[in-house]
Protein backbone atom coordinates (compact mmCIF):
# COMPACT_ATOMS: atom_id res chain seq x y z
CA MET A 1 17.50 5.32 21.06
CA SER A 2 15.41 5.36 17.91
CA ALA A 3 13.49 2.38 16.57
CA TRP A 4 16.24 1.78 14.01
CA ARG A 5 19.76 2.90 13.25
CA PRO A 6 22.08 2.22 10.32
CA GLY A 7 25.14 0.01 10.62
CA ASP A 8 28.05 -0.83 8.35
CA ASP A 9 26.37 -3.88 6.80
CA GLY A 10 22.66 -3.24 7.42
CA ILE A 11 20.46 -1.76 10.13
CA HIS A 12 19.69 -2.47 13.77
CA ILE A 13 16.07 -2.32 14.92
CA ALA A 14 14.24 -2.54 18.23
CA VAL A 15 10.93 -4.43 18.28
CA ARG A 16 8.36 -4.83 21.05
CA VAL A 17 6.64 -8.18 20.59
CA THR A 18 3.12 -9.22 21.51
CA ARG A 19 3.02 -13.00 21.44
CA ARG A 20 -0.16 -14.90 20.66
CA GLY A 21 -1.30 -11.68 19.05
CA GLY A 22 -3.47 -13.21 16.34
CA ARG A 23 -2.62 -11.98 12.86
CA GLU A 24 1.13 -11.45 12.39
CA ALA A 25 2.07 -7.86 11.65
CA LEU A 26 4.94 -5.39 11.97
CA GLY A 27 4.20 -1.70 12.29
CA PRO A 28 4.93 1.50 14.13
CA GLY A 29 5.22 1.38 17.88
CA THR A 30 6.87 4.36 19.53
CA ALA A 31 9.88 6.44 18.55
CA GLU A 32 12.01 3.84 20.38
CA HIS A 33 10.69 0.62 18.82
CA PHE A 34 8.57 -1.09 16.20
CA ALA A 35 5.55 -3.13 17.32
CA ALA A 36 5.11 -6.72 16.20
CA ARG A 37 2.26 -9.16 16.72
CA ILE A 38 3.24 -12.80 16.55
CA SER A 39 0.78 -15.70 16.62
CA ALA A 40 3.34 -18.21 17.92
CA PRO A 41 3.51 -18.93 21.66
CA PRO A 42 6.71 -18.11 23.58
CA VAL A 43 7.70 -21.78 23.82
CA ASP A 44 10.99 -23.31 22.67
CA GLY A 45 11.93 -20.21 20.67
CA ALA A 46 8.83 -20.38 18.44
CA ALA A 47 7.96 -16.70 18.94
CA ASN A 48 11.54 -15.60 18.16
CA ALA A 49 11.60 -17.73 15.01
CA ALA A 50 8.26 -16.28 13.92
CA LEU A 51 9.53 -12.75 14.57
CA LEU A 52 12.65 -13.32 12.46
CA SER A 53 10.51 -14.67 9.60
CA LEU A 54 8.09 -11.74 9.85
CA VAL A 55 10.87 -9.13 9.82
CA ALA A 56 12.60 -10.85 6.89
CA ARG A 57 9.34 -10.84 4.92
CA GLU A 58 8.54 -7.20 5.75
CA PHE A 59 12.03 -5.98 4.81
CA GLY A 60 12.28 -8.19 1.71
CA VAL A 61 15.40 -10.08 2.81
CA ALA A 62 16.24 -13.74 3.36
CA LYS A 63 15.56 -15.19 6.81
CA ARG A 64 19.29 -15.72 7.30
CA SER A 65 19.77 -11.94 6.97
CA VAL A 66 17.88 -11.27 10.21
CA THR A 67 19.52 -12.10 13.53
CA LEU A 68 18.43 -11.64 17.12
CA THR A 69 21.10 -9.62 18.93
CA GLY A 70 19.37 -8.95 22.24
CA GLY A 71 16.30 -9.70 24.31
CA ALA A 72 15.86 -13.39 23.52
CA THR A 73 13.50 -13.84 26.50
CA ALA A 74 12.21 -10.26 26.75
CA ARG A 75 9.33 -8.53 24.99
CA LEU A 76 11.67 -5.84 23.68
CA LYS A 77 14.10 -7.37 21.22
CA ARG A 78 17.04 -6.06 19.23
CA LEU A 79 17.57 -7.35 15.70
CA HIS A 80 20.18 -6.87 13.01
CA ILE A 81 19.14 -6.94 9.37
CA THR A 82 21.98 -7.48 6.90
CA GLY A 83 21.73 -5.66 3.59
CA ASP A 84 22.10 -2.22 2.04
CA PRO A 85 21.66 0.27 4.91
CA ALA A 86 20.12 2.94 2.67
CA THR A 87 17.49 0.60 1.20
CA LEU A 88 16.68 -0.95 4.58
CA GLY A 89 16.50 2.52 6.11
CA VAL A 90 13.85 3.58 3.59
CA ILE A 91 11.79 0.50 4.44
CA ALA A 92 12.20 1.12 8.19
CA THR A 93 11.09 4.72 7.78
CA GLU A 94 8.02 3.63 5.81
CA ARG A 95 7.14 1.00 8.47
CA MET A 96 7.29 3.62 11.22
CA GLY A 97 4.50 5.49 9.45
């Protein structure tokens, strides 16, 4: 599977998360996933909430447009970003470097 794929109402992305990673950032990982550093600890969903905020900011969408669809307790997470698939695809391609 690639790091992202288009859907009917947005795109689906895979993200490998490093928690307590210092400065928050989203960038290229491998062909299968993006890499994200999150400063929040993995306690009470704080890291997941921080990831959703980071992805929303990086893709220029509202926080409510980003949902966690898989991997709530895993390092590799699946997210859905609602919006124009073509526009989001361009941003995803740019983020993958």
